[in-house]
Protein backbone atom coordinates (compact mmCIF):
# COMPACT_ATOMS: atom_id res chain seq x y z
CA MET A 1 102.36 42.25 123.27
CA THR A 2 100.31 44.79 124.47
CA MET A 3 102.08 48.40 123.67
CA THR A 4 102.25 50.95 127.44
CA VAL A 5 100.93 53.69 127.27
CA GLY A 6 104.12 55.89 127.37
CA LYS A 7 105.24 53.67 124.41
CA TRP A 8 102.44 54.74 122.25
CA ARG A 9 102.56 58.62 123.02
CA ARG A 10 106.23 58.20 121.88
CA ARG A 11 105.53 56.35 118.85
CA ALA A 12 101.75 58.91 118.07
CA LEU A 13 104.58 61.85 118.63
CA THR A 14 107.20 60.91 116.48
CA VAL A 15 104.09 59.99 113.38
CA ALA A 16 102.95 63.36 114.36
CA LEU A 17 106.48 65.50 114.04
CA ALA A 18 108.20 63.11 110.86
CA THR A 19 104.26 64.38 109.44
CA ALA A 20 105.24 67.98 110.62
CA THR A 21 108.28 67.79 108.86
CA SER A 22 107.09 65.90 105.65
CA LEU A 23 104.14 68.82 105.20
CA GLY A 24 106.69 71.60 105.69
CA VAL A 25 108.98 69.63 102.91
CA MET A 26 106.03 69.49 100.65
CA SER A 27 104.98 73.35 101.88
CA THR A 28 108.35 74.55 100.49
CA ALA A 29 108.51 72.60 97.49
CA THR A 30 105.60 74.26 96.87
CA ALA A 31 105.77 78.01 97.76
CA MET A 32 107.54 78.88 94.45
CA ASP A 33 106.10 81.72 92.08
CA THR A 34 104.86 81.10 88.87
CA ILE A 35 104.49 83.72 86.60
CA THR A 36 103.24 83.51 83.03
CA ALA A 37 104.54 86.08 80.35
CA VAL A 38 103.56 86.63 76.38
CA HIS A 39 105.02 88.79 74.35
CA ALA A 40 104.01 90.99 71.67
CA PHE A 41 106.28 90.14 68.35
CA PRO A 42 106.75 86.63 66.94
CA LYS A 43 109.51 84.35 68.14
CA SER A 44 111.85 85.00 65.08
CA LEU A 45 111.86 89.24 65.56
CA ILE A 46 114.89 90.18 67.65
CA TYR A 47 113.33 91.69 70.16
CA THR A 48 111.24 89.03 71.11
CA LYS A 49 114.88 86.98 70.90
CA SER A 50 116.06 89.66 73.95
CA PHE A 51 112.95 89.34 76.06
CA LEU A 52 113.56 85.51 75.92
CA LYS A 53 117.18 85.46 76.97
CA PHE A 54 115.89 88.24 79.78
CA VAL A 55 113.89 85.73 80.92
CA ASP A 56 116.00 83.13 81.13
CA LYS A 57 118.45 85.17 82.84
CA ALA A 58 115.67 86.06 85.37
CA ASN A 59 114.53 81.93 86.15
CA ALA A 60 118.43 81.31 86.54
CA ALA A 61 118.69 83.85 89.10
CA GLY A 62 115.32 83.18 90.53
CA GLU A 63 115.79 79.18 90.53
CA GLY A 64 114.26 77.75 93.66
CA VAL A 65 111.78 81.21 93.88
CA PHE A 66 110.29 81.79 91.15
CA LYS A 67 109.72 80.98 87.69
CA ILE A 68 108.52 83.06 84.45
CA GLN A 69 105.95 80.18 82.11
CA VAL A 70 106.00 81.72 78.69
CA ARG A 71 103.09 80.92 76.41
CA GLY A 72 103.85 82.52 73.20
CA GLY A 73 103.40 85.60 71.06
CA PRO A 74 100.94 87.29 69.21
CA GLU A 75 99.93 83.26 68.18
CA ALA A 76 98.84 82.92 72.03
CA VAL A 77 97.28 86.64 72.79
CA GLY A 78 97.52 88.86 70.17
CA MET A 79 99.42 91.66 70.51
CA PHE A 80 96.95 94.43 70.84
CA GLU A 81 95.14 92.31 73.14
CA GLN A 82 97.72 91.70 75.72
CA PRO A 83 97.68 94.76 77.85
CA LYS A 84 94.46 94.07 78.49
CA ALA A 85 94.92 90.56 79.01
CA LEU A 86 97.30 91.28 81.59
CA THR A 87 94.71 94.23 83.50
CA ASN A 88 92.33 91.11 83.13
CA GLY A 89 94.64 88.67 84.95
CA VAL A 90 94.72 86.10 81.74
CA VAL A 91 98.10 86.72 82.34
CA ASP A 92 100.45 87.84 84.27
CA MET A 93 103.59 89.15 82.59
CA VAL A 94 103.61 90.74 79.04
CA TYR A 95 106.46 92.25 77.23
CA THR A 96 105.09 94.82 74.81
CA PRO A 97 105.77 98.67 73.36
CA CYS A 98 104.13 100.82 75.95
CA ALA A 99 102.53 102.81 72.92
CA PHE A 100 100.40 100.03 72.08
CA TYR A 101 98.25 100.72 75.02
CA SER A 102 98.71 104.29 75.35
CA ALA A 103 95.37 105.36 75.45
CA THR A 104 95.16 103.65 78.64
CA VAL A 105 98.26 105.08 80.32
CA PRO A 106 99.09 108.51 77.75
CA GLU A 107 102.40 108.61 79.77
CA CYS A 108 103.34 106.31 76.98
CA ASP A 109 103.69 108.29 74.46
CA ALA A 110 106.80 109.81 76.67
CA VAL A 111 108.45 107.26 76.28
CA SER A 112 108.30 107.09 72.31
CA ALA A 113 110.27 110.54 72.52
CA SER A 114 112.63 109.89 74.94
CA THR A 115 116.08 111.39 74.76
CA ILE A 116 117.42 109.33 76.82
CA ASP A 117 118.11 105.55 77.70
CA GLY A 118 116.63 102.45 79.93
CA PRO A 119 119.19 102.95 82.33
CA THR A 120 119.29 106.57 82.29
CA ALA A 121 115.72 107.09 83.28
CA ARG A 122 115.87 104.08 86.44
CA GLN A 123 118.59 106.58 87.81
CA ASN A 124 116.36 109.76 87.54
CA GLY A 125 113.38 109.21 88.47
CA ALA A 126 111.84 108.53 84.81
CA LEU A 127 111.09 105.38 84.90
CA LYS A 128 109.57 105.64 88.96
CA ALA A 129 107.08 108.25 87.62
CA LEU A 130 105.95 105.48 84.08
CA GLN A 131 105.46 102.92 87.31
CA ALA A 132 103.38 105.27 89.05
CA ALA A 133 101.22 106.24 85.81
CA HIS A 134 100.91 102.29 85.23
CA ASP A 135 99.77 101.98 88.74
CA LYS A 136 96.91 104.15 88.35
CA ARG A 137 95.40 103.81 84.93
CA MET A 138 96.09 99.98 84.96
CA GLY A 139 96.41 99.03 87.63
CA ALA A 140 99.98 97.38 86.61
CA HIS A 141 103.51 97.04 87.86
CA TYR A 142 105.69 98.48 84.86
CA LEU A 143 108.72 96.14 85.65
CA GLY A 144 111.41 97.69 83.68
CA TRP A 145 112.39 98.99 79.56
CA ILE A 146 114.78 97.52 77.98
CA ASP A 147 116.15 97.20 74.60
CA SER A 148 116.47 101.07 74.75
CA GLY A 149 119.05 103.17 72.83
CA ILE A 150 117.50 101.93 69.51
CA ARG A 151 115.86 104.66 67.12
CA PHE A 152 113.03 104.62 64.44
CA ASN A 153 113.92 105.25 60.58
CA LEU A 154 111.16 105.75 57.33
CA TRP A 155 111.17 102.57 55.17
CA SER A 156 110.56 102.34 51.70
CA THR A 157 110.21 100.48 48.30
CA GLN A 158 110.20 103.99 46.78
CA GLU A 159 113.28 106.73 46.77
CA PHE A 160 112.98 109.45 49.36
CA LYS A 161 111.74 112.97 47.93
CA THR A 162 112.94 116.48 49.53
CA GLY A 163 111.71 119.71 48.88
CA PRO A 164 113.74 123.47 48.39
CA ALA A 165 113.81 123.82 52.15
CA GLY A 166 115.47 119.95 52.32
CA ASP A 167 112.20 118.54 53.96
CA LEU A 168 110.54 115.51 53.33
CA ILE A 169 107.25 114.71 50.56
CA LEU A 170 105.60 112.00 51.73
CA GLU A 171 102.75 113.03 48.92
CA GLY A 172 101.31 110.05 47.43
CA ARG A 173 102.58 107.31 49.72
CA LYS A 174 101.36 104.43 50.98
CA MET A 175 102.19 104.20 54.78
CA ARG A 176 102.08 101.80 57.20
CA GLY A 177 100.37 102.99 60.59
CA ASN A 178 100.99 102.33 63.87
CA ALA A 179 100.01 102.99 66.81
CA ILE A 180 103.40 104.25 68.08
CA TYR A 181 103.62 107.26 64.93
CA ASN A 182 100.13 107.63 63.42
CA ALA A 183 100.21 110.97 65.15
CA PHE A 184 103.32 112.17 63.80
CA PHE A 185 102.04 110.93 60.21
CA THR A 186 98.85 112.20 60.04
CA ASN A 187 98.97 115.42 62.32
CA VAL A 188 103.04 116.67 61.18
CA LEU A 189 103.73 115.25 57.63
CA LYS A 190 100.17 114.76 57.07
CA VAL A 191 99.68 111.37 55.35
CA GLN A 192 97.13 109.07 55.49
CA VAL A 193 97.79 105.75 56.80
CA ILE A 194 97.16 101.54 56.60
CA ASN A 195 96.84 100.19 60.16
CA LEU A 196 98.75 97.11 60.13
CA LYS A 197 100.21 94.55 62.32
CA ALA A 198 104.02 93.48 62.12
CA THR A 199 102.60 90.07 61.40
CA ASP A 200 100.86 91.39 58.06
CA VAL A 201 103.62 93.87 56.56
CA TYR A 202 105.54 91.70 54.67
CA THR A 203 102.40 90.75 52.12
CA ALA A 204 101.62 94.50 51.93
CA LEU A 205 104.86 95.17 50.91
CA GLU A 206 104.56 92.15 48.37
CA ARG A 207 101.21 93.43 47.10
CA GLY A 208 101.97 97.01 46.82
CA THR A 209 99.80 98.23 49.79
CA ILE A 210 102.09 99.96 51.29
CA ASP A 211 105.01 101.58 50.21
CA THR A 212 107.41 103.36 53.17
CA MET A 213 106.49 102.83 56.79
CA GLY A 214 108.03 103.47 59.85
CA TRP A 215 110.37 100.50 62.08
CA THR A 216 113.13 100.47 64.06
CA GLN A 217 116.71 100.57 63.15
CA ILE A 218 116.97 96.61 63.22
CA GLY A 219 114.87 94.07 63.00
CA VAL A 220 114.31 94.15 58.57
CA MET A 221 116.10 91.44 57.99
CA ASP A 222 113.92 89.30 60.82
CA LEU A 223 110.85 89.54 58.89
CA SER A 224 112.48 89.20 55.27
CA TRP A 225 111.07 92.89 54.54
CA ASP A 226 114.36 93.61 53.12
CA LYS A 227 112.90 91.20 50.27
CA TYR A 228 111.45 94.47 48.94
CA ILE A 229 112.44 97.29 51.37
CA LYS A 230 115.20 100.05 49.36
CA HIS A 231 115.85 103.21 50.72
CA ARG A 232 116.14 104.64 54.41
CA LEU A 233 115.97 107.56 55.68
CA GLU A 234 118.19 109.44 58.20
CA PRO A 235 117.64 111.03 60.82
CA ALA A 236 116.48 108.48 63.43
CA PHE A 237 113.59 109.78 65.19
CA PHE A 238 111.25 108.28 68.62
CA SER A 239 112.90 105.25 70.57
CA THR A 240 112.45 101.74 70.86
CA ASP A 241 109.57 102.16 74.28
CA LEU A 242 109.81 98.14 74.80
CA GLY A 243 108.73 97.59 78.19
CA VAL A 244 107.74 94.11 80.68
CA ILE A 245 105.21 94.28 82.52
CA ILE A 246 102.78 92.74 85.37
CA ASN A 247 99.22 92.24 86.61
CA GLY A 248 99.19 94.49 89.89
CA LYS A 249 97.57 92.32 91.53
CA LYS A 250 100.00 89.14 90.69
CA TRP A 251 102.81 91.40 91.56
CA ALA A 252 101.60 92.21 95.25
CA SER A 253 101.05 87.93 96.07
CA LEU A 254 104.75 87.25 95.19
CA SER A 255 107.46 86.82 97.66
CA GLN A 256 109.35 90.16 98.33
CA LYS A 257 112.27 88.02 97.43
CA THR A 258 111.05 86.87 94.07
CA ARG A 259 110.09 91.12 92.88
CA ASP A 260 114.11 91.67 94.27
CA ILE A 261 115.45 89.44 92.30
CA LEU A 262 112.89 90.69 89.00
CA THR A 263 114.13 93.71 89.24
CA GLN A 264 117.29 93.11 90.10
CA THR A 265 117.40 91.25 86.41
CA ILE A 266 115.89 93.33 84.82
CA ALA A 267 117.91 96.20 85.77
CA ALA A 268 120.93 94.63 84.35
CA TYR A 269 119.21 94.17 81.44
CA GLU A 270 118.95 97.33 81.19
CA LYS A 271 122.53 97.71 80.43
CA ASP A 272 123.26 94.86 78.76
CA SER A 273 120.53 94.99 75.98
CA MET A 274 121.12 98.59 75.37
CA VAL A 275 125.03 97.54 74.07
CA GLU A 276 124.14 94.51 72.60
CA LEU A 277 121.02 95.56 70.72
CA GLY A 278 123.61 98.59 69.30
CA ALA A 279 126.30 96.75 68.26
CA LEU A 280 123.78 94.83 66.09
CA ARG A 281 122.42 97.84 64.65
CA THR A 282 125.99 98.59 63.43
CA LYS A 283 126.07 95.18 61.79
CA GLU A 284 122.44 95.06 60.22
CA HIS A 285 123.05 98.60 58.68
CA LYS A 286 126.43 97.37 57.49
CA MET A 287 124.55 94.06 55.56
CA LEU A 288 121.51 96.59 54.28
CA ASP A 289 123.90 98.99 52.65
CA GLU A 290 126.11 95.86 50.71
CA LYS A 291 122.05 94.50 50.44
CA GLY A 292 121.62 97.81 47.67
CA VAL A 293 119.75 99.62 50.60
CA LYS A 294 120.08 103.11 49.93
CA VAL A 295 120.47 106.07 52.15
CA THR A 296 119.02 109.42 52.08
CA THR A 297 119.96 111.76 54.96
CA LEU A 298 118.03 114.89 55.08
CA PRO A 299 119.61 118.28 55.72
CA THR A 300 120.50 119.14 59.15
CA LEU A 301 118.06 121.73 59.60
CA ALA A 302 115.33 119.81 57.76
CA GLY A 303 116.73 116.86 59.71
CA ALA A 304 116.02 118.52 63.04
CA ARG A 305 112.43 119.97 62.16
CA PHE A 306 112.00 116.18 61.57
CA VAL A 307 112.63 114.53 64.50
CA GLU A 308 111.36 117.56 66.66
CA GLY A 309 107.89 117.17 64.76
CA ALA A 310 107.55 113.37 65.77
CA ALA A 311 108.19 114.42 69.47
CA ASN A 312 106.15 116.68 69.44
CA ALA A 313 103.33 115.05 68.28
CA SER A 314 103.87 112.12 70.61
CA HIS A 315 104.09 115.07 73.75
CA GLN A 316 100.87 116.71 72.10
CA ARG A 317 98.71 113.54 72.26
CA MET A 318 99.63 112.50 75.79
CA LYS A 319 98.64 116.28 76.74
CA GLU A 320 95.27 116.10 75.39
CA ARG A 321 94.60 112.08 76.75
CA ILE A 322 95.61 112.95 79.79
CA GLN A 323 93.76 116.61 80.12
CA LYS A 324 90.67 114.23 79.62
CA MET A 325 91.97 111.46 82.38
CA ASP A 326 92.58 114.22 85.08
CA GLY A 327 91.47 117.69 84.12
CA ASN A 328 94.97 119.38 83.56
CA THR A 329 98.36 118.16 82.43
CA ALA A 330 100.83 117.56 85.33
CA SER A 331 101.10 113.49 84.67
CA ALA A 332 102.73 114.80 80.89
CA GLU A 333 104.62 118.16 82.04
CA ASN A 334 106.06 115.61 85.22
CA VAL A 335 107.08 112.68 82.77
CA MET A 336 108.44 114.83 79.86
CA LYS A 337 110.90 117.00 82.06
CA LEU A 338 111.93 113.65 82.67
CA PHE A 339 112.09 111.67 79.57
CA SER A 340 112.98 114.07 77.47
CA PRO A 341 115.10 116.47 79.62
CA ARG A 342 116.55 120.31 78.10
């Protein structure tokens, strides 16, 4: 039976509408943002566990809108190569200490020397200044500073010694070096360092290649370093500077909804992680005390000189680098005031 022209047209229109609807559904389904990520430290470390917890929270909040796909840690991309991999677009997101790329973004030293925490930095404008520095110098968006409120200690296989004025004596020590505190160790404490990745520290302690190092107040047991570490120095110095950064072009390509959810989620997690890790610090120090780790506390004035020396070393390095880059230290002065308000 021959189809009339009118019926043919109606059927063609029906097919066209159905096809358009189908394509619309497909388009909506494929519009979800995908973000690839890596983390600086092994999965066993508390900081990596914290980052993965943030990822879970972000993915839950952004279900159907975006998905963060974690590719791994230093086994996937070397920990010191990760910032460059982000700049080059190899990965979209990196969770890493800001100090690992402070030669590129000198303002990172202000975070290490900070006297505030992540939530305060978001509130007082310090985070905004750090984001501007990342955009200018690295083409990256600094999403947030998580796991803050934790500081650093010196840890050693040997007892710490002090001089007549109570100042620390490190002569003859085999110190592990790292980008975070090398300026402090070499310029202020006047000790030579052996640069080692965190993943190489256990073997170095086992072989006696190093006997003293800086590390955060938590995480020593995660890496089994407590098998060799027997002494901790107080007061603590510096601040953890672990941040989440995103490739700038990738950030610009994300939907506004994705950007909003990521920002809201990390702002909340800055507060949550600080509380959780603070409680863990208390717990771990008690456990280390029970394991026999001895604490040496510098006298009040000597301790103040020690902490101030650490901050000054970072600030001085930052000023020198920014002077070379910008011809002035205006950016350094600004972030110093924001991250270390008097």
